[in-house]
Amino acid sequence: MALQLVIIGLPQSGKTTVFNALTRSVAPTCGFSTGEEEPNLATVKVPDERLDVLTRTFNPRRTVPADVQYYDIAGVAKGIHEQGMSGRLLGYLSQAAALVHVVRAFDDPSVPHPEGSVDPLRDIETLNLELAFSDMALIEKRLTRLDATIPKLRGTERETHEREAAALRRLQAAMEEGTPIREVELDPEEERLLRGFGFLTAKPLLILLNVGEEQLGAPAEQLVAEAEARFGRPGVAVDALAGKIEAEIAQLDDEDAALFMADLGIAESSRDRVIRRSYELLGLISFFTVGPDEVRAWTIRRGTLAVEAAGEIHSDIQRGFIRAEVVSYEDLVAAGGLAEARKAGKLRLEGKQYIVQDGDVVHFLFNV
């Protein structure tokens, strides 16, 4: 389940530098969108210390981490809603599982800010408005079409279109009051009717402040606190990353990277933290399968049933599901292994309706 996060940002925000830092790549810069640019795409392994511990415990032939995909698309400029986003750009944004908004917080006289000054909070508000304007335009366009069509319809088809129009008007009213769609509670029928729109303000959002070297530590923490106080709402996370420095670190081997980070007083790479936050923002968790051949992290959505988790491994396992043997990561590590966990009574048998928890180590029993 490799889900896609799309990196967005105003021009000169350094979003491609951040993309390179997160993905350990050297991608070309994506400029302002004309609708023809190909995005940069990379699949990134999710850092997970638990997977490292399990690998040392079982010494498998291979270890497979969970992963996420990042898209770096062309820039979204202030006022783009007035001319309308290109269909290509809007398509990438609509299909994203979540958005990562790279916000310029660094000061570099050689890279002038389009607005003439560096103001992260202003830029966050600007892009939030562009996303909202895009959703509002889509709602208005669809309502105009529905209002013209509904009087000509009869029966079930008319009722379905009327329910859709009512749901859209509810979203429209909320947005006019400044509420993004992600905060509007929808019933299952409304969710089904509106699923295909790909509303941008419905998507989880990671606001990522791109800071300079001189802002590492307390200044970056202060910026994050200010952004959280103003924009921290359900479905929105805020973090900071020194894109230029992290991109340099990403190109070094582990030993050189450790020395470079030590020279700068960096205890932990922000890259790993941001990747984990991206994963969590999508509402994803990991369960593990272990053995001499492979230790692997499997990606599922929080709340997934055991029988559904089995299907992530193979459809035959889901179809022939009998039960799952489950032990928590903490209990397994404390016991020292699967056999020891079984002797300690920590290995449980769970049925189809068991909700798999983050960090569960699972062995599925099945028959087909």
Protein backbone atom coordinates (compact mmCIF):
# COMPACT_ATOMS: atom_id res chain seq x y z
CA MET A 1 0.00 0.00 0.00
CA ALA A 2 2.27 2.76 -1.27
CA LEU A 3 0.25 5.92 -0.81
CA GLN A 4 1.18 9.18 -2.45
CA LEU A 5 1.90 12.46 -0.73
CA VAL A 6 2.14 15.44 -3.05
CA ILE A 7 4.62 18.17 -2.15
CA ILE A 8 3.27 21.63 -2.89
CA GLY A 9 4.54 25.13 -2.24
CA LEU A 10 4.70 28.67 -3.51
CA PRO A 11 7.55 29.56 -5.90
CA GLN A 12 11.03 29.81 -4.27
CA SER A 13 9.88 27.82 -1.22
CA GLY A 14 12.56 25.17 -1.79
CA LYS A 15 10.10 22.32 -2.20
CA THR A 16 12.27 20.39 -4.68
CA THR A 17 15.19 20.70 -2.27
CA VAL A 18 12.93 19.24 0.44
CA PHE A 19 11.86 16.49 -1.97
CA ASN A 20 15.53 15.65 -2.57
CA ALA A 21 16.15 15.60 1.18
CA LEU A 22 13.23 13.27 1.91
CA THR A 23 13.89 10.92 -0.99
CA ARG A 24 17.72 10.96 -1.14
CA SER A 25 17.53 11.92 -4.79
CA VAL A 26 18.75 14.74 -7.01
CA ALA A 27 15.62 15.73 -8.88
CA PRO A 28 15.39 18.70 -11.25
CA THR A 29 13.57 21.75 -9.98
CA CYS A 30 9.89 21.97 -10.86
CA GLY A 31 8.99 25.57 -11.68
CA PHE A 32 5.64 27.30 -11.96
CA SER A 33 2.99 25.08 -13.51
CA THR A 34 2.15 25.40 -17.18
CA GLY A 35 0.33 22.10 -17.06
CA GLU A 36 2.92 20.15 -19.04
CA GLU A 37 5.61 19.35 -16.48
CA GLU A 38 6.25 15.80 -15.35
CA PRO A 39 6.42 15.55 -11.54
CA ASN A 40 9.35 14.11 -9.66
CA LEU A 41 8.38 10.81 -7.98
CA ALA A 42 10.22 8.69 -5.43
CA THR A 43 9.33 5.85 -3.08
CA VAL A 44 10.75 6.28 0.42
CA LYS A 45 11.30 3.67 3.10
CA VAL A 46 9.71 4.60 6.43
CA PRO A 47 12.32 4.59 9.23
CA ASP A 48 11.21 2.29 12.05
CA GLU A 49 13.49 1.33 14.94
CA ARG A 50 11.21 -1.62 15.72
CA LEU A 51 12.04 -3.16 12.35
CA ASP A 52 15.74 -2.79 13.11
CA VAL A 53 15.33 -4.59 16.45
CA LEU A 54 13.31 -7.40 14.85
CA THR A 55 15.98 -7.79 12.17
CA ARG A 56 18.68 -8.22 14.82
CA THR A 57 16.46 -10.69 16.68
CA PHE A 58 15.59 -12.95 13.72
CA ASN A 59 18.58 -12.32 11.40
CA PRO A 60 16.47 -12.81 8.24
CA ARG A 61 17.74 -13.07 4.68
CA ARG A 62 16.06 -9.76 3.92
CA THR A 63 14.25 -6.92 5.66
CA VAL A 64 11.42 -4.99 3.97
CA PRO A 65 10.33 -1.65 5.48
CA ALA A 66 7.03 0.10 4.91
CA ASP A 67 7.10 2.84 2.29
CA VAL A 68 5.39 5.99 1.10
CA GLN A 69 5.63 7.85 -2.20
CA TYR A 70 6.34 11.54 -2.63
CA TYR A 71 5.43 13.58 -5.69
CA ASP A 72 7.10 16.93 -6.31
CA ILE A 73 4.88 18.89 -8.66
CA ALA A 74 5.20 22.31 -10.24
CA GLY A 75 4.70 25.35 -8.01
CA VAL A 76 1.33 26.75 -7.04
CA ALA A 77 1.53 30.54 -7.37
CA LYS A 78 -0.55 33.11 -5.54
CA GLY A 79 -3.67 33.91 -7.56
CA ILE A 80 -3.60 30.69 -9.59
CA HIS A 81 -7.31 30.17 -8.79
CA GLU A 82 -8.17 33.26 -10.85
CA GLN A 83 -6.98 31.62 -14.06
CA GLY A 84 -7.81 28.13 -12.84
CA MET A 85 -5.37 25.35 -12.09
CA SER A 86 -4.39 23.32 -15.12
CA GLY A 87 -6.21 20.02 -15.37
CA ARG A 88 -2.90 18.19 -15.06
CA LEU A 89 -1.88 20.00 -11.87
CA LEU A 90 -5.34 19.64 -10.35
CA GLY A 91 -5.30 15.95 -11.26
CA TYR A 92 -2.11 15.31 -9.28
CA LEU A 93 -3.44 17.23 -6.30
CA SER A 94 -6.85 15.53 -6.38
CA GLN A 95 -5.34 12.04 -6.43
CA ALA A 96 -3.00 12.68 -3.49
CA ALA A 97 -3.62 10.85 -0.24
CA ALA A 98 -2.23 13.88 1.61
CA LEU A 99 -0.50 17.18 0.87
CA VAL A 100 2.87 18.38 2.16
CA HIS A 101 3.03 22.18 2.04
CA VAL A 102 6.65 23.36 2.01
CA VAL A 103 6.77 26.88 3.42
CA ARG A 104 9.77 29.14 3.03
CA ALA A 105 11.20 30.25 6.37
CA PHE A 106 14.84 30.67 5.32
CA ASP A 107 16.33 33.98 4.24
CA ASP A 108 18.57 33.99 1.16
CA PRO A 109 19.20 37.30 -0.67
CA SER A 110 20.30 35.36 -3.77
CA VAL A 111 16.81 33.81 -3.99
CA PRO A 112 14.32 36.72 -3.79
CA HIS A 113 10.92 35.91 -2.33
CA PRO A 114 8.12 36.64 -4.86
CA GLU A 115 6.32 38.72 -2.22
CA GLY A 116 9.45 40.71 -1.37
CA SER A 117 9.80 39.36 2.18
CA VAL A 118 9.94 36.06 4.06
CA ASP A 119 6.75 35.56 6.08
CA PRO A 120 5.87 31.88 6.67
CA LEU A 121 2.48 32.50 8.29
CA ARG A 122 1.41 34.73 5.40
CA ASP A 123 2.48 32.09 2.87
CA ILE A 124 0.62 29.31 4.70
CA GLU A 125 -2.53 31.43 4.61
CA THR A 126 -1.99 32.20 0.92
CA LEU A 127 -1.79 28.57 -0.14
CA ASN A 128 -4.64 27.54 2.15
CA LEU A 129 -6.80 30.11 0.37
CA GLU A 130 -5.73 28.84 -3.07
CA LEU A 131 -6.76 25.30 -2.10
CA ALA A 132 -10.07 26.56 -0.70
CA PHE A 133 -10.80 28.65 -3.79
CA SER A 134 -10.18 25.59 -5.97
CA ASP A 135 -12.68 23.54 -3.94
CA MET A 136 -15.25 26.33 -3.97
CA ALA A 137 -15.01 26.68 -7.74
CA LEU A 138 -15.50 22.93 -8.17
CA ILE A 139 -18.54 22.94 -5.87
CA GLU A 140 -20.12 25.91 -7.64
CA LYS A 141 -19.55 24.37 -11.07
CA ARG A 142 -21.13 21.08 -10.03
CA LEU A 143 -24.09 22.76 -8.31
CA THR A 144 -24.80 24.82 -11.42
CA ARG A 145 -24.92 21.63 -13.45
CA LEU A 146 -27.08 19.82 -10.90
CA ASP A 147 -29.54 22.71 -10.64
CA ALA A 148 -30.02 22.56 -14.39
CA THR A 149 -30.29 18.75 -14.51
CA ILE A 150 -32.41 17.81 -11.48
CA PRO A 151 -35.74 19.28 -12.73
CA LYS A 152 -35.49 17.02 -15.80
CA LEU A 153 -35.01 13.83 -13.75
CA ARG A 154 -37.48 11.50 -12.06
CA GLY A 155 -37.46 8.74 -9.47
CA THR A 156 -34.30 7.30 -7.92
CA GLU A 157 -31.94 9.20 -10.21
CA ARG A 158 -33.47 12.50 -9.14
CA GLU A 159 -33.27 11.57 -5.47
CA THR A 160 -29.56 10.68 -5.79
CA HIS A 161 -28.74 13.96 -7.49
CA GLU A 162 -30.74 15.91 -4.90
CA ARG A 163 -28.80 14.24 -2.08
CA GLU A 164 -25.55 15.12 -3.82
CA ALA A 165 -26.63 18.75 -4.23
CA ALA A 166 -27.62 18.94 -0.55
CA ALA A 167 -24.24 17.55 0.52
CA LEU A 168 -22.40 20.00 -1.72
CA ARG A 169 -24.39 22.94 -0.34
CA ARG A 170 -23.44 21.84 3.18
CA LEU A 171 -19.78 21.86 2.20
CA GLN A 172 -20.22 25.22 0.49
CA ALA A 173 -21.76 26.77 3.61
CA ALA A 174 -18.95 25.41 5.79
CA MET A 175 -16.26 26.74 3.48
CA GLU A 176 -17.86 30.17 3.34
CA GLU A 177 -17.41 30.25 7.12
CA GLY A 178 -13.73 29.32 6.76
CA THR A 179 -14.06 25.62 7.61
CA PRO A 180 -12.03 23.24 5.40
CA ILE A 181 -13.81 20.14 4.12
CA ARG A 182 -11.65 17.82 6.24
CA GLU A 183 -13.46 19.19 9.30
CA VAL A 184 -16.99 18.64 7.96
CA GLU A 185 -18.58 15.45 9.28
CA LEU A 186 -20.13 13.43 6.48
CA ASP A 187 -22.33 10.38 6.79
CA PRO A 188 -21.41 7.26 4.76
CA GLU A 189 -23.88 8.11 1.99
CA GLU A 190 -22.48 11.64 1.62
CA GLU A 191 -18.93 10.28 1.57
CA ARG A 192 -19.88 7.90 -1.22
CA LEU A 193 -21.53 10.64 -3.26
CA LEU A 194 -18.60 13.05 -2.88
CA ARG A 195 -15.68 10.61 -3.03
CA GLY A 196 -14.85 11.27 -6.65
CA PHE A 197 -14.33 15.03 -6.30
CA GLY A 198 -10.90 14.81 -4.66
CA PHE A 199 -11.42 18.04 -2.71
CA LEU A 200 -8.08 19.58 -1.74
CA THR A 201 -9.11 20.91 1.67
CA ALA A 202 -10.42 17.45 2.54
CA LYS A 203 -6.92 15.99 2.43
CA PRO A 204 -4.63 15.64 5.45
CA LEU A 205 -2.04 18.43 5.39
CA LEU A 206 1.52 18.53 6.67
CA ILE A 207 2.83 22.09 6.89
CA LEU A 208 6.61 21.82 6.60
CA LEU A 209 8.62 24.92 7.45
CA ASN A 210 11.79 25.02 5.36
CA VAL A 211 14.30 26.69 7.69
CA GLY A 212 17.92 27.79 7.27
CA GLU A 213 20.98 26.55 9.15
CA GLU A 214 20.93 29.54 11.50
CA GLN A 215 17.34 28.68 12.51
CA LEU A 216 18.07 25.15 13.73
CA GLY A 217 17.03 24.46 17.31
CA ALA A 218 15.02 27.05 19.27
CA PRO A 219 14.19 29.41 16.35
CA ALA A 220 12.70 26.53 14.31
CA GLU A 221 10.78 25.29 17.35
CA GLN A 222 9.36 28.78 17.86
CA LEU A 223 8.24 28.95 14.22
CA VAL A 224 6.53 25.57 14.53
CA ALA A 225 4.76 26.69 17.72
CA GLU A 226 3.50 29.87 16.01
CA ALA A 227 2.25 27.95 12.98
CA GLU A 228 0.57 25.32 15.16
CA ALA A 229 -1.17 28.01 17.21
CA ARG A 230 -2.65 29.58 14.08
CA PHE A 231 -3.16 26.65 11.72
CA GLY A 232 -3.10 23.54 13.91
CA ARG A 233 -6.51 21.98 13.30
CA PRO A 234 -7.79 18.41 12.89
CA GLY A 235 -5.99 16.70 10.02
CA VAL A 236 -3.18 19.28 9.98
CA ALA A 237 0.34 18.68 11.31
CA VAL A 238 3.23 21.16 11.47
CA ASP A 239 6.97 20.43 11.43
CA ALA A 240 10.26 22.01 10.35
CA LEU A 241 13.15 20.80 8.24
CA ALA A 242 16.33 22.49 7.00
CA GLY A 243 15.86 21.43 3.39
CA LYS A 244 19.27 22.49 2.05
CA ILE A 245 21.22 20.86 4.89
CA GLU A 246 19.11 17.69 4.88
CA ALA A 247 19.53 17.38 1.10
CA GLU A 248 23.31 17.53 1.59
CA ILE A 249 23.17 14.94 4.38
CA ALA A 250 21.03 12.67 2.20
CA GLN A 251 23.81 12.45 -0.40
CA LEU A 252 26.44 11.29 2.14
CA ASP A 253 27.18 7.78 3.34
CA ASP A 254 26.21 6.99 6.94
CA GLU A 255 29.65 7.68 8.43
CA ASP A 256 30.13 11.03 6.69
CA ALA A 257 26.54 12.01 7.43
CA ALA A 258 27.08 11.34 11.15
CA LEU A 259 30.21 13.52 11.17
CA PHE A 260 28.46 16.32 9.27
CA MET A 261 25.50 16.24 11.65
CA ALA A 262 27.82 16.26 14.67
CA ASP A 263 29.60 19.35 13.33
CA LEU A 264 26.23 21.12 13.06
CA GLY A 265 25.02 19.87 16.43
CA ILE A 266 22.18 17.86 14.86
CA ALA A 267 21.27 14.87 17.06
CA GLU A 268 18.74 13.31 14.70
CA SER A 269 18.00 13.82 11.03
CA SER A 270 14.77 15.77 10.59
CA ARG A 271 14.27 13.76 7.41
CA ASP A 272 13.41 10.57 9.31
CA ARG A 273 11.01 12.39 11.63
CA VAL A 274 9.19 14.07 8.75
CA ILE A 275 8.81 10.78 6.86
CA ARG A 276 7.32 9.16 9.95
CA ARG A 277 4.94 12.09 10.40
CA SER A 278 3.89 11.79 6.77
CA TYR A 279 3.09 8.12 7.36
CA GLU A 280 1.13 8.87 10.51
CA LEU A 281 -0.72 11.74 8.83
CA LEU A 282 -2.17 9.26 6.36
CA GLY A 283 -3.69 7.32 9.25
CA LEU A 284 -1.36 4.39 8.59
CA ILE A 285 0.17 1.88 10.99
CA SER A 286 2.53 -1.07 10.55
CA PHE A 287 2.23 -4.69 11.57
CA PHE A 288 5.12 -7.12 11.21
CA THR A 289 5.72 -10.61 9.95
CA VAL A 290 8.95 -12.27 11.09
CA GLY A 291 10.98 -15.35 10.27
CA PRO A 292 14.36 -16.57 9.00
CA ASP A 293 13.54 -15.63 5.40
CA GLU A 294 12.06 -12.19 5.90
CA VAL A 295 11.20 -9.55 8.48
CA ARG A 296 8.69 -7.16 6.97
CA ALA A 297 6.57 -4.16 7.89
CA TRP A 298 3.12 -4.22 6.30
CA THR A 299 1.15 -1.01 5.87
CA ILE A 300 -2.53 -0.84 6.81
CA ARG A 301 -4.96 1.86 7.81
CA ARG A 302 -5.68 2.27 11.49
CA GLY A 303 -8.77 0.22 12.38
CA THR A 304 -8.11 -2.59 9.85
CA LEU A 305 -9.53 -6.02 10.75
CA ALA A 306 -7.27 -9.07 10.90
CA VAL A 307 -8.90 -10.68 7.88
CA GLU A 308 -8.35 -7.50 5.86
CA ALA A 309 -4.74 -7.24 7.02
CA ALA A 310 -4.22 -10.80 5.80
CA GLY A 311 -5.27 -9.64 2.35
CA GLU A 312 -2.38 -7.15 2.28
CA ILE A 313 -0.04 -10.14 2.24
CA HIS A 314 -2.00 -12.27 -0.25
CA SER A 315 -5.62 -12.60 -1.31
CA ASP A 316 -5.47 -16.37 -0.69
CA ILE A 317 -4.61 -15.76 2.96
CA GLN A 318 -7.62 -13.50 3.32
CA ARG A 319 -9.90 -15.94 1.50
CA GLY A 320 -8.79 -18.92 3.58
CA PHE A 321 -8.33 -17.07 6.88
CA ILE A 322 -8.68 -19.29 9.95
CA ARG A 323 -7.14 -17.22 12.73
CA ALA A 324 -4.17 -15.03 13.51
CA GLU A 325 -1.42 -15.59 16.05
CA VAL A 326 -0.61 -12.18 17.50
CA VAL A 327 1.98 -10.81 19.91
CA SER A 328 2.76 -7.16 20.49
CA TYR A 329 6.20 -5.90 19.51
CA GLU A 330 6.92 -4.92 23.12
CA ASP A 331 5.98 -8.36 24.50
CA LEU A 332 8.01 -10.14 21.80
CA VAL A 333 11.14 -8.09 22.48
CA ALA A 334 10.75 -8.47 26.25
CA ALA A 335 10.42 -12.25 25.88
CA GLY A 336 13.36 -12.53 23.49
CA GLY A 337 11.65 -14.39 20.65
CA LEU A 338 8.48 -16.06 19.42
CA ALA A 339 9.00 -19.34 21.26
CA GLU A 340 9.70 -17.49 24.50
CA ALA A 341 6.63 -15.27 24.00
CA ARG A 342 4.50 -18.36 23.50
CA LYS A 343 5.84 -19.93 26.71
CA ALA A 344 5.13 -16.69 28.58
CA GLY A 345 1.52 -16.73 27.38
CA LYS A 346 1.95 -13.53 25.36
CA LEU A 347 1.00 -15.07 22.01
CA ARG A 348 -2.75 -14.73 21.43
CA LEU A 349 -5.15 -16.32 18.95
CA GLU A 350 -7.41 -13.75 17.28
CA GLY A 351 -10.30 -14.08 14.83
CA LYS A 352 -11.38 -12.19 11.71
CA GLN A 353 -12.86 -9.26 13.62
CA TYR A 354 -9.73 -8.48 15.62
CA ILE A 355 -8.51 -4.93 14.94
CA VAL A 356 -4.80 -5.08 14.21
CA GLN A 357 -2.74 -2.71 16.36
CA ASP A 358 0.36 -0.75 15.44
CA GLY A 359 3.40 -2.93 16.15
CA ASP A 360 1.57 -6.26 16.22
CA VAL A 361 3.68 -9.22 15.10
CA VAL A 362 1.28 -11.50 13.27
CA HIS A 363 1.30 -15.00 11.81
CA PHE A 364 -1.81 -15.87 9.80
CA LEU A 365 -3.20 -19.40 9.71
CA PHE A 366 -5.24 -20.16 6.60
CA ASN A 367 -6.50 -22.94 4.36
CA VAL A 368 -7.39 -22.73 0.67
